[in-house]
Amino acid sequence: MAGARNAPSGAALHVTNGDAPVPEIAAAAGVAAAEVVAWRDVLHDGPVPAGLDHVELARVRAAHLASRGWVSEDEALRELLERDERLAAHPPEAEVMLWFEDDLYDALQLAQIADRLAGRPGPVTLVAVPHRDRDDLAPAFAARAPFTPGRAAFAALTGDDPRAWADHGRMSRLREELPDTRTGLSRLEAEILEALAAGPLAPHELFLAVTRREQPPWLGDTSIFAAAADLGDLTQRNGAYAITDAGRDVLAGAATRPPRDHWIGGVHLVPGEPGWAWDAEAGEPVRAG
């Protein structure tokens, strides 16, 4: 497709989690920034259903990203397909170098890429990108290690049983985004309400307050603001974000967050239908409804 490039045989293709680290990666690897592929998608948010080829999945993801108001559907689809094609067009004997952090956001992207690369004959290498002090990635580049791609993690993400997420490192955190059995809140939603309980916060203050509750940090500000909007009448915004009385009741366990129709990976949660919830006391997903 237009925009895809075939790499010279033997040249490594560099792939990372988004646009922010590209200049530092290019400098550390000694390549042009245009040679680094940014894997732009927030796979913890919205449908990632099983059984789709890469084009079908790109269409599903593009529609969701557009529904969030983050990008037009046409632009999202173009970027996703171009990204996919650059990975697919890379010579099978040439190296692919993956630059990712150790957090949930990156773990989900890495699962998708590992699924795409499973069985390729050429080497795949993982560079562990630090969360802080990323101005010089030369030490991380020097410490890179072989990586064996496989399909199991992405199959778990796209499957309809969230218990499988526990078997794949940082993906385990995704289970806590299921509605809590007591409050109906996801962990992220609870963190937003907890941050607002002491008083209203400006958007950047809310972002920082939630980020402090997530270690390692993995959420972008747009994801946090989207989750705050999803809370409906539990929060309000007039410049700053604030918790409402209804939100305080839910946070205290005196009421339950109204269910909503949404996806987490391959798990579709539909109000009024049997589904999955997070049992914080047991530390595992349970069937609900």
Protein backbone atom coordinates (compact mmCIF):
# COMPACT_ATOMS: atom_id res chain seq x y z
CA MET A 1 0.00 0.00 0.00
CA ALA A 2 1.09 3.62 -0.29
CA GLY A 3 3.57 4.68 2.37
CA ALA A 4 4.96 1.19 3.04
CA ARG A 5 8.67 0.69 2.48
CA ASN A 6 10.72 -2.44 1.95
CA ALA A 7 13.81 -2.43 4.16
CA PRO A 8 17.14 -3.42 2.65
CA SER A 9 18.00 -7.04 3.35
CA GLY A 10 19.88 -7.20 6.65
CA ALA A 11 18.70 -3.79 7.95
CA ALA A 12 16.79 -3.91 11.23
CA LEU A 13 13.25 -2.60 11.53
CA HIS A 14 12.72 -0.69 14.78
CA VAL A 15 9.25 -0.73 16.39
CA THR A 16 8.08 1.16 19.47
CA ASN A 17 4.94 2.14 21.38
CA GLY A 18 4.25 5.56 19.87
CA ASP A 19 5.79 8.77 18.61
CA ALA A 20 7.32 10.16 21.82
CA PRO A 21 10.43 7.92 22.05
CA VAL A 22 11.21 7.89 18.32
CA PRO A 23 13.95 10.59 18.32
CA GLU A 24 15.82 8.95 21.21
CA ILE A 25 15.50 5.50 19.61
CA ALA A 26 16.78 6.78 16.29
CA ALA A 27 19.76 8.41 18.01
CA ALA A 28 20.63 5.30 20.03
CA ALA A 29 20.31 2.94 17.05
CA GLY A 30 21.98 5.30 14.56
CA VAL A 31 19.06 5.34 12.13
CA ALA A 32 16.76 7.99 10.70
CA ALA A 33 13.58 8.67 12.70
CA ALA A 34 11.57 7.66 9.62
CA GLU A 35 12.92 4.14 10.02
CA VAL A 36 11.24 3.70 13.42
CA VAL A 37 7.67 2.37 13.31
CA ALA A 38 5.34 3.82 15.95
CA TRP A 39 2.72 1.23 16.96
CA ARG A 40 -0.08 3.71 17.66
CA ASP A 41 -3.00 2.07 19.44
CA VAL A 42 -4.46 1.92 22.96
CA LEU A 43 -5.37 -1.75 23.11
CA HIS A 44 -6.67 -1.59 26.69
CA ASP A 45 -9.50 0.63 25.44
CA GLY A 46 -12.24 -0.84 23.26
CA PRO A 47 -12.72 -4.03 21.27
CA VAL A 48 -9.87 -6.35 20.31
CA PRO A 49 -11.95 -9.38 19.27
CA ALA A 50 -10.59 -12.73 18.21
CA GLY A 51 -10.86 -14.27 14.76
CA LEU A 52 -10.07 -11.20 12.64
CA ASP A 53 -7.28 -10.76 10.13
CA HIS A 54 -5.13 -7.65 10.42
CA VAL A 55 -7.28 -5.61 8.02
CA GLU A 56 -10.54 -6.49 9.77
CA LEU A 57 -9.02 -5.74 13.16
CA ALA A 58 -7.66 -2.41 11.90
CA ARG A 59 -11.18 -1.46 10.81
CA VAL A 60 -12.60 -2.33 14.24
CA ARG A 61 -9.87 -0.39 16.02
CA ALA A 62 -10.16 2.62 13.70
CA ALA A 63 -13.90 2.83 14.30
CA HIS A 64 -13.37 2.73 18.06
CA LEU A 65 -10.60 5.33 18.09
CA ALA A 66 -12.83 7.61 16.01
CA SER A 67 -15.73 7.05 18.41
CA ARG A 68 -13.51 8.38 21.19
CA GLY A 69 -13.00 11.57 19.21
CA TRP A 70 -9.23 11.11 19.12
CA VAL A 71 -8.84 10.86 15.35
CA SER A 72 -10.95 10.49 12.22
CA GLU A 73 -11.79 6.93 11.24
CA ASP A 74 -10.13 7.31 7.84
CA GLU A 75 -6.92 8.66 9.35
CA ALA A 76 -6.81 5.96 12.02
CA LEU A 77 -7.37 3.21 9.47
CA ARG A 78 -4.69 4.60 7.18
CA GLU A 79 -2.13 4.74 10.00
CA LEU A 80 -2.96 1.28 11.32
CA LEU A 81 -2.76 -0.34 7.89
CA GLU A 82 0.47 1.45 7.00
CA ARG A 83 2.01 0.34 10.29
CA ASP A 84 0.87 -3.25 9.69
CA GLU A 85 2.23 -3.25 6.15
CA ARG A 86 5.64 -1.96 7.18
CA LEU A 87 5.98 -4.85 9.62
CA ALA A 88 4.67 -7.43 7.14
CA ALA A 89 6.91 -6.14 4.33
CA HIS A 90 10.12 -6.39 6.34
CA PRO A 91 12.35 -9.14 4.88
CA PRO A 92 11.76 -12.34 6.86
CA GLU A 93 15.49 -12.94 7.41
CA ALA A 94 16.17 -9.37 8.62
CA GLU A 95 16.12 -8.30 12.25
CA VAL A 96 13.15 -6.70 14.00
CA MET A 97 14.06 -4.67 17.07
CA LEU A 98 11.29 -3.99 19.59
CA TRP A 99 11.66 -0.98 21.91
CA PHE A 100 9.11 -1.27 24.72
CA GLU A 101 8.59 -0.38 28.36
CA ASP A 102 7.53 -2.83 31.06
CA ASP A 103 3.91 -1.80 31.62
CA LEU A 104 0.39 -2.77 30.59
CA TYR A 105 0.11 -0.38 27.64
CA ASP A 106 3.29 -1.74 26.08
CA ALA A 107 2.57 -5.36 27.03
CA LEU A 108 -0.62 -5.33 24.96
CA GLN A 109 1.11 -3.84 21.94
CA LEU A 110 3.98 -6.28 22.31
CA ALA A 111 1.49 -9.17 22.41
CA GLN A 112 -0.02 -8.04 19.10
CA ILE A 113 3.37 -7.60 17.45
CA ALA A 114 4.60 -10.95 18.79
CA ASP A 115 1.55 -12.58 17.23
CA ARG A 116 2.41 -11.00 13.86
CA LEU A 117 6.06 -12.07 14.10
CA ALA A 118 5.51 -15.63 15.33
CA GLY A 119 7.47 -18.18 13.30
CA ARG A 120 9.59 -15.72 11.29
CA PRO A 121 13.13 -16.99 10.61
CA GLY A 122 14.95 -13.71 11.23
CA PRO A 123 16.08 -12.49 14.64
CA VAL A 124 13.80 -10.50 16.92
CA THR A 125 15.36 -8.40 19.67
CA LEU A 126 13.83 -6.62 22.65
CA VAL A 127 15.18 -3.35 24.03
CA ALA A 128 13.85 -2.69 27.55
CA VAL A 129 13.07 1.04 27.49
CA PRO A 130 13.14 2.67 30.96
CA HIS A 131 10.19 4.73 32.15
CA ARG A 132 12.47 7.55 33.29
CA ASP A 133 15.75 9.08 32.14
CA ARG A 134 15.11 8.25 28.50
CA ASP A 135 17.21 11.05 26.98
CA ASP A 136 19.99 8.56 26.28
CA LEU A 137 18.82 5.08 25.26
CA ALA A 138 22.31 3.90 24.31
CA PRO A 139 22.64 1.79 27.52
CA ALA A 140 19.27 0.14 26.87
CA PHE A 141 20.28 -0.50 23.27
CA ALA A 142 23.55 -2.08 24.40
CA ALA A 143 21.65 -4.36 26.81
CA ARG A 144 19.17 -5.60 24.19
CA ALA A 145 18.32 -9.28 24.28
CA PRO A 146 16.84 -11.93 21.98
CA PHE A 147 13.05 -12.15 22.02
CA THR A 148 11.01 -15.15 20.91
CA PRO A 149 7.65 -14.02 19.49
CA GLY A 150 4.58 -16.21 19.94
CA ARG A 151 0.81 -16.12 19.67
CA ALA A 152 -0.27 -17.04 23.19
CA ALA A 153 -0.40 -13.56 24.73
CA PHE A 154 -2.47 -12.01 21.95
CA ALA A 155 -4.78 -15.03 21.91
CA ALA A 156 -5.34 -14.45 25.63
CA LEU A 157 -6.04 -10.74 25.09
CA THR A 158 -8.55 -11.35 22.29
CA GLY A 159 -10.23 -14.29 24.00
CA ASP A 160 -13.46 -14.06 25.97
CA ASP A 161 -12.06 -15.37 29.28
CA PRO A 162 -10.13 -12.67 31.22
CA ARG A 163 -8.65 -15.24 33.58
CA ALA A 164 -6.13 -16.02 30.83
CA TRP A 165 -4.66 -12.52 31.14
CA ALA A 166 -3.00 -13.50 34.43
CA ASP A 167 -0.59 -15.77 32.56
CA HIS A 168 1.08 -12.98 30.59
CA GLY A 169 3.04 -10.66 32.84
CA ARG A 170 1.83 -7.07 32.89
CA MET A 171 -1.36 -8.10 31.07
CA SER A 172 -2.55 -9.32 34.45
CA ARG A 173 -3.30 -5.69 35.38
CA LEU A 174 -6.01 -5.58 32.70
CA ARG A 175 -8.20 -7.88 34.82
CA GLU A 176 -8.75 -5.04 37.28
CA GLU A 177 -10.43 -3.01 34.55
CA LEU A 178 -13.41 -5.37 34.84
CA PRO A 179 -16.24 -3.92 36.94
CA ASP A 180 -15.65 -4.45 40.64
CA THR A 181 -18.17 -6.82 42.23
CA ARG A 182 -18.95 -4.31 44.98
CA THR A 183 -18.92 -0.91 43.29
CA GLY A 184 -19.10 -1.66 39.56
CA LEU A 185 -16.02 0.54 39.06
CA SER A 186 -12.93 -0.45 37.15
CA ARG A 187 -9.67 0.18 38.97
CA LEU A 188 -8.99 3.21 36.76
CA GLU A 189 -12.45 4.62 37.43
CA ALA A 190 -11.97 4.14 41.17
CA GLU A 191 -8.60 5.88 41.01
CA ILE A 192 -10.19 8.87 39.26
CA LEU A 193 -12.91 9.17 41.91
CA GLU A 194 -10.37 8.70 44.72
CA ALA A 195 -8.21 11.46 43.25
CA LEU A 196 -11.22 13.80 43.11
CA ALA A 197 -12.55 12.96 46.57
CA ALA A 198 -10.37 15.63 48.22
CA GLY A 199 -11.54 18.36 45.84
CA PRO A 200 -11.68 19.43 42.19
CA LEU A 201 -8.60 18.99 40.01
CA ALA A 202 -7.49 20.66 36.81
CA PRO A 203 -6.96 18.18 33.96
CA HIS A 204 -3.17 18.01 34.38
CA GLU A 205 -3.61 17.59 38.15
CA LEU A 206 -6.01 14.69 37.63
CA PHE A 207 -3.56 13.09 35.21
CA LEU A 208 -0.71 13.34 37.73
CA ALA A 209 -2.86 12.11 40.61
CA VAL A 210 -3.97 8.99 38.73
CA THR A 211 -0.49 8.34 37.37
CA ARG A 212 0.90 8.30 40.91
CA ARG A 213 -1.54 5.50 41.71
CA GLU A 214 -0.32 3.37 38.79
CA GLN A 215 3.15 1.90 39.11
CA PRO A 216 4.61 1.39 36.66
CA PRO A 217 2.81 4.27 34.95
CA TRP A 218 1.13 3.27 31.71
CA LEU A 219 -1.75 5.66 31.02
CA GLY A 220 -1.75 8.67 28.73
CA ASP A 221 -3.76 11.75 29.63
CA THR A 222 -6.33 11.16 26.87
CA SER A 223 -7.10 7.71 28.29
CA ILE A 224 -7.63 9.12 31.77
CA PHE A 225 -9.88 11.92 30.51
CA ALA A 226 -11.88 9.42 28.43
CA ALA A 227 -12.39 7.23 31.49
CA ALA A 228 -13.53 10.27 33.49
CA ALA A 229 -16.07 11.05 30.77
CA ASP A 230 -17.27 7.43 30.83
CA LEU A 231 -18.19 7.90 34.50
CA GLY A 232 -21.15 10.02 33.45
CA ASP A 233 -22.90 11.72 36.35
CA LEU A 234 -20.35 10.38 38.86
CA THR A 235 -18.07 13.24 37.84
CA GLN A 236 -18.59 16.69 36.42
CA ARG A 237 -16.32 19.11 34.63
CA ASN A 238 -16.46 22.88 34.55
CA GLY A 239 -12.86 23.55 33.64
CA ALA A 240 -11.71 21.36 36.54
CA TYR A 241 -12.91 17.83 37.20
CA ALA A 242 -15.00 17.18 40.33
CA ILE A 243 -16.69 14.22 41.96
CA THR A 244 -20.47 14.40 42.41
CA ASP A 245 -22.57 13.13 45.32
CA ALA A 246 -23.47 10.13 43.17
CA GLY A 247 -19.79 9.48 42.65
CA ARG A 248 -19.09 9.63 46.38
CA ASP A 249 -21.86 7.11 47.01
CA VAL A 250 -20.40 4.67 44.50
CA LEU A 251 -16.86 5.15 45.79
CA ALA A 252 -18.08 4.43 49.32
CA GLY A 253 -19.89 1.29 48.19
CA ALA A 254 -23.31 2.74 49.03
CA ALA A 255 -24.34 2.53 45.37
CA THR A 256 -23.18 0.72 42.25
CA ARG A 257 -21.77 2.30 39.13
CA PRO A 258 -24.34 1.84 36.33
CA PRO A 259 -23.08 -0.78 33.85
CA ARG A 260 -22.22 0.23 30.29
CA ASP A 261 -21.78 -1.63 27.03
CA HIS A 262 -18.06 -1.82 26.33
CA TRP A 263 -15.18 -4.11 25.46
CA ILE A 264 -11.97 -4.96 27.27
CA GLY A 265 -9.82 -6.85 24.82
CA GLY A 266 -11.96 -9.74 23.61
CA VAL A 267 -14.40 -9.51 26.53
CA HIS A 268 -17.68 -7.79 25.64
CA LEU A 269 -19.57 -6.49 28.67
CA VAL A 270 -23.27 -5.96 27.94
CA PRO A 271 -25.64 -4.54 30.59
CA GLY A 272 -28.25 -7.08 31.63
CA GLU A 273 -26.32 -10.05 30.25
CA PRO A 274 -24.04 -12.49 32.11
CA GLY A 275 -20.46 -11.30 32.03
CA TRP A 276 -17.28 -10.89 34.04
CA ALA A 277 -16.43 -8.84 37.13
CA TRP A 278 -13.37 -8.30 39.28
CA ASP A 279 -13.46 -9.78 42.78
CA ALA A 280 -10.86 -7.68 44.61
CA GLU A 281 -10.98 -9.83 47.74
CA ALA A 282 -10.30 -13.03 45.80
CA GLY A 283 -7.93 -11.26 43.41
CA GLU A 284 -9.47 -12.81 40.33
CA PRO A 285 -12.21 -12.39 37.72
CA VAL A 286 -15.56 -14.01 38.47
CA ARG A 287 -18.69 -14.62 36.44
CA ALA A 288 -21.39 -12.05 37.11
CA GLY A 289 -25.04 -11.68 36.23
